[in-house]
Every structure is written in structure tokens, then in C-alpha cells.
Amino acid sequence: MNIKFFYDFMEHELIVIDEQGERIVLTRPKEIDHFLAAYQLQREQCKGLIEREDRLRIMDKGKPMRWLRRLIYKH
């Protein structure tokens, strides 16, 4: 599954959109950094819309935010 994402510099949020249009908004800096690290990107590189494969499978989980937080704080 492909996802699209971009970083909103005004709101300091990372918006992730799946193929069906479902959105997830990441607001915590640690979550954003972990997500971008999986794609080897920095916030400055996400000024425009980026389309990539869903490596973290963030959209496949029933509760994606809880799953992502468990993954981040596990390390």
C-alpha cells in the first residue's frame, strides 16, 4: 500500500494520507522523527507531497497511533 505525506511547517505536524484518503496527523516530534527516519528523510525534505510505500505499515493497524507509539517507546 502506498501512502502520501508532507510536513506542515506552520502547524509543526506531519500529515499521512493513505490510498483511501484516510488521514493520520503526527504532532509529537519523536513520532515525526521516527516516521521520517524510516524513509531516510528530514523535515526540510517534506515541503511537498511525497508518495512512498507504507514501510511502517502504519495504515494497516486498527489503531495506528497507539501502534506507532509502542514502536517508538519500545527502543
N, C-alpha and C. Protein backbone atom coordinates (compact mmCIF):
# COMPACT_ATOMS: atom_id res chain seq x y z
N MET A 1 0.85 -1.17 0.00
CA MET A 1 0.00 0.00 0.00
C MET A 1 0.89 1.24 0.00
N ASN A 2 0.52 2.20 -0.80
CA ASN A 2 1.25 3.46 -0.84
C ASN A 2 0.58 4.49 0.05
N ILE A 3 1.40 5.37 0.58
CA ILE A 3 0.90 6.48 1.37
C ILE A 3 1.50 7.77 0.82
N LYS A 4 0.86 8.86 1.14
CA LYS A 4 1.38 10.19 0.80
C LYS A 4 1.54 10.93 2.11
N PHE A 5 2.56 11.75 2.20
CA PHE A 5 2.75 12.52 3.42
C PHE A 5 3.49 13.81 3.12
N PHE A 6 3.31 14.78 4.02
CA PHE A 6 4.02 16.05 3.94
C PHE A 6 4.11 16.64 5.33
N TYR A 7 5.07 17.54 5.51
CA TYR A 7 5.25 18.20 6.80
C TYR A 7 4.68 19.61 6.71
N ASP A 8 3.79 19.94 7.63
CA ASP A 8 3.19 21.27 7.70
C ASP A 8 4.05 22.12 8.64
N PHE A 9 4.84 23.02 8.08
CA PHE A 9 5.76 23.83 8.87
C PHE A 9 5.05 24.86 9.73
N MET A 10 3.86 25.28 9.35
CA MET A 10 3.11 26.25 10.15
C MET A 10 2.58 25.61 11.43
N GLU A 11 2.06 24.40 11.31
CA GLU A 11 1.46 23.70 12.46
C GLU A 11 2.43 22.72 13.13
N HIS A 12 3.59 22.50 12.52
CA HIS A 12 4.58 21.54 13.01
C HIS A 12 3.97 20.14 13.14
N GLU A 13 3.32 19.69 12.06
CA GLU A 13 2.67 18.39 12.01
C GLU A 13 3.08 17.65 10.75
N LEU A 14 3.08 16.34 10.84
CA LEU A 14 3.28 15.50 9.66
C LEU A 14 1.95 14.86 9.34
N ILE A 15 1.45 15.07 8.14
CA ILE A 15 0.17 14.54 7.72
C ILE A 15 0.43 13.35 6.81
N VAL A 16 -0.17 12.22 7.14
CA VAL A 16 -0.02 10.98 6.37
C VAL A 16 -1.40 10.62 5.83
N ILE A 17 -1.46 10.33 4.51
CA ILE A 17 -2.73 10.03 3.85
C ILE A 17 -2.58 8.70 3.10
N ASP A 18 -3.54 7.78 3.29
CA ASP A 18 -3.47 6.51 2.57
C ASP A 18 -4.23 6.60 1.25
N GLU A 19 -4.28 5.47 0.53
CA GLU A 19 -4.90 5.46 -0.80
C GLU A 19 -6.41 5.72 -0.75
N GLN A 20 -7.05 5.42 0.37
CA GLN A 20 -8.49 5.66 0.50
C GLN A 20 -8.80 7.07 1.01
N GLY A 21 -7.77 7.85 1.32
CA GLY A 21 -7.97 9.21 1.79
C GLY A 21 -8.00 9.34 3.30
N GLU A 22 -7.79 8.24 4.02
CA GLU A 22 -7.76 8.30 5.48
C GLU A 22 -6.49 9.03 5.93
N ARG A 23 -6.64 9.91 6.92
CA ARG A 23 -5.51 10.74 7.37
C ARG A 23 -5.09 10.39 8.78
N ILE A 24 -3.79 10.50 9.01
CA ILE A 24 -3.22 10.43 10.35
C ILE A 24 -2.34 11.66 10.48
N VAL A 25 -2.46 12.36 11.60
CA VAL A 25 -1.66 13.56 11.84
C VAL A 25 -0.72 13.26 13.01
N LEU A 26 0.57 13.33 12.75
CA LEU A 26 1.57 13.13 13.79
C LEU A 26 2.00 14.50 14.30
N THR A 27 1.91 14.71 15.62
CA THR A 27 2.23 16.01 16.19
C THR A 27 3.44 15.97 17.11
N ARG A 28 3.73 14.82 17.68
CA ARG A 28 4.86 14.72 18.61
C ARG A 28 6.17 14.61 17.85
N PRO A 29 7.16 15.40 18.22
CA PRO A 29 8.44 15.40 17.50
C PRO A 29 9.09 14.02 17.42
N LYS A 30 8.99 13.22 18.47
CA LYS A 30 9.62 11.90 18.45
C LYS A 30 8.93 10.98 17.44
N GLU A 31 7.61 11.06 17.33
CA GLU A 31 6.87 10.27 16.34
C GLU A 31 7.23 10.70 14.92
N ILE A 32 7.30 11.99 14.72
CA ILE A 32 7.64 12.52 13.40
C ILE A 32 9.04 12.08 13.01
N ASP A 33 9.99 12.22 13.92
CA ASP A 33 11.37 11.84 13.62
C ASP A 33 11.50 10.35 13.31
N HIS A 34 10.78 9.51 14.06
CA HIS A 34 10.83 8.07 13.82
C HIS A 34 10.24 7.73 12.46
N PHE A 35 9.11 8.34 12.14
CA PHE A 35 8.46 8.10 10.85
C PHE A 35 9.39 8.51 9.70
N LEU A 36 9.96 9.69 9.79
CA LEU A 36 10.83 10.18 8.72
C LEU A 36 12.12 9.37 8.63
N ALA A 37 12.62 8.88 9.75
CA ALA A 37 13.84 8.05 9.74
C ALA A 37 13.62 6.76 8.95
N ALA A 38 12.42 6.22 8.98
CA ALA A 38 12.12 5.01 8.23
C ALA A 38 12.25 5.24 6.72
N TYR A 39 12.08 6.48 6.30
CA TYR A 39 12.20 6.83 4.89
C TYR A 39 13.49 7.59 4.59
N GLN A 40 14.35 7.69 5.58
CA GLN A 40 15.63 8.40 5.46
C GLN A 40 15.43 9.82 4.93
N LEU A 41 14.50 10.53 5.57
CA LEU A 41 14.18 11.90 5.19
C LEU A 41 14.30 12.82 6.40
N GLN A 42 14.49 14.09 6.11
CA GLN A 42 14.45 15.15 7.13
C GLN A 42 13.19 15.97 6.89
N ARG A 43 12.79 16.73 7.89
CA ARG A 43 11.59 17.55 7.76
C ARG A 43 11.68 18.53 6.59
N GLU A 44 12.86 19.08 6.38
CA GLU A 44 13.05 20.05 5.29
C GLU A 44 12.79 19.44 3.92
N GLN A 45 12.95 18.13 3.80
CA GLN A 45 12.73 17.45 2.53
C GLN A 45 11.26 17.16 2.27
N CYS A 46 10.39 17.43 3.23
CA CYS A 46 8.96 17.10 3.13
C CYS A 46 8.11 18.33 2.91
N LYS A 47 8.63 19.31 2.18
CA LYS A 47 7.85 20.52 1.92
C LYS A 47 6.69 20.24 0.97
N GLY A 48 6.89 19.34 0.04
CA GLY A 48 5.83 18.97 -0.89
C GLY A 48 5.28 17.59 -0.56
N LEU A 49 4.31 17.17 -1.31
CA LEU A 49 3.68 15.87 -1.11
C LEU A 49 4.62 14.77 -1.58
N ILE A 50 4.87 13.79 -0.73
CA ILE A 50 5.76 12.67 -1.04
C ILE A 50 4.93 11.40 -1.04
N GLU A 51 5.13 10.57 -2.05
CA GLU A 51 4.42 9.30 -2.12
C GLU A 51 5.42 8.17 -2.02
N ARG A 52 5.20 7.28 -1.06
CA ARG A 52 6.09 6.15 -0.82
C ARG A 52 5.28 4.93 -0.40
N GLU A 53 5.96 3.78 -0.38
CA GLU A 53 5.35 2.56 0.14
C GLU A 53 5.24 2.68 1.66
N ASP A 54 4.21 2.12 2.24
CA ASP A 54 3.99 2.19 3.69
C ASP A 54 4.91 1.20 4.40
N ARG A 55 6.16 1.59 4.60
CA ARG A 55 7.16 0.71 5.22
C ARG A 55 6.82 0.34 6.66
N LEU A 56 6.28 1.26 7.40
CA LEU A 56 5.95 1.02 8.80
C LEU A 56 4.60 0.33 8.97
N ARG A 57 3.87 0.17 7.87
CA ARG A 57 2.52 -0.41 7.89
C ARG A 57 1.62 0.33 8.87
N ILE A 58 1.80 1.64 8.89
CA ILE A 58 1.04 2.49 9.82
C ILE A 58 -0.45 2.47 9.52
N MET A 59 -0.82 2.28 8.27
CA MET A 59 -2.23 2.29 7.90
C MET A 59 -2.88 0.91 7.97
N ASP A 60 -2.11 -0.14 8.24
CA ASP A 60 -2.66 -1.50 8.29
C ASP A 60 -3.18 -1.86 9.67
N LYS A 61 -2.83 -1.11 10.66
CA LYS A 61 -3.21 -1.44 12.03
C LYS A 61 -4.56 -0.85 12.37
N GLY A 62 -5.25 -1.47 13.31
CA GLY A 62 -6.56 -0.99 13.73
C GLY A 62 -6.47 0.36 14.43
N LYS A 63 -5.46 0.54 15.25
CA LYS A 63 -5.25 1.79 15.96
C LYS A 63 -3.83 2.26 15.66
N PRO A 64 -3.62 2.92 14.54
CA PRO A 64 -2.26 3.22 14.08
C PRO A 64 -1.45 4.09 15.03
N MET A 65 -2.08 5.05 15.68
CA MET A 65 -1.30 5.94 16.54
C MET A 65 -0.77 5.18 17.76
N ARG A 66 -1.59 4.32 18.35
CA ARG A 66 -1.16 3.55 19.51
C ARG A 66 -0.04 2.60 19.10
N TRP A 67 -0.17 1.98 17.93
CA TRP A 67 0.86 1.08 17.43
C TRP A 67 2.17 1.81 17.20
N LEU A 68 2.10 3.00 16.63
CA LEU A 68 3.31 3.76 16.35
C LEU A 68 3.99 4.19 17.65
N ARG A 69 3.21 4.59 18.63
CA ARG A 69 3.79 5.00 19.91
C ARG A 69 4.48 3.82 20.60
N ARG A 70 3.88 2.62 20.53
CA ARG A 70 4.52 1.44 21.11
C ARG A 70 5.85 1.17 20.42
N LEU A 71 5.89 1.32 19.13
CA LEU A 71 7.11 1.08 18.38
C LEU A 71 8.20 2.08 18.77
N ILE A 72 7.84 3.35 18.94
CA ILE A 72 8.81 4.38 19.28
C ILE A 72 9.35 4.20 20.69
N TYR A 73 8.48 4.01 21.65
CA TYR A 73 8.90 3.96 23.05
C TYR A 73 9.47 2.61 23.45
N LYS A 74 9.40 1.63 22.56
CA LYS A 74 9.95 0.31 22.84
C LYS A 74 11.47 0.35 22.86
N HIS A 75 12.07 1.24 22.10
CA HIS A 75 13.54 1.30 21.95
C HIS A 75 14.18 2.08 23.05
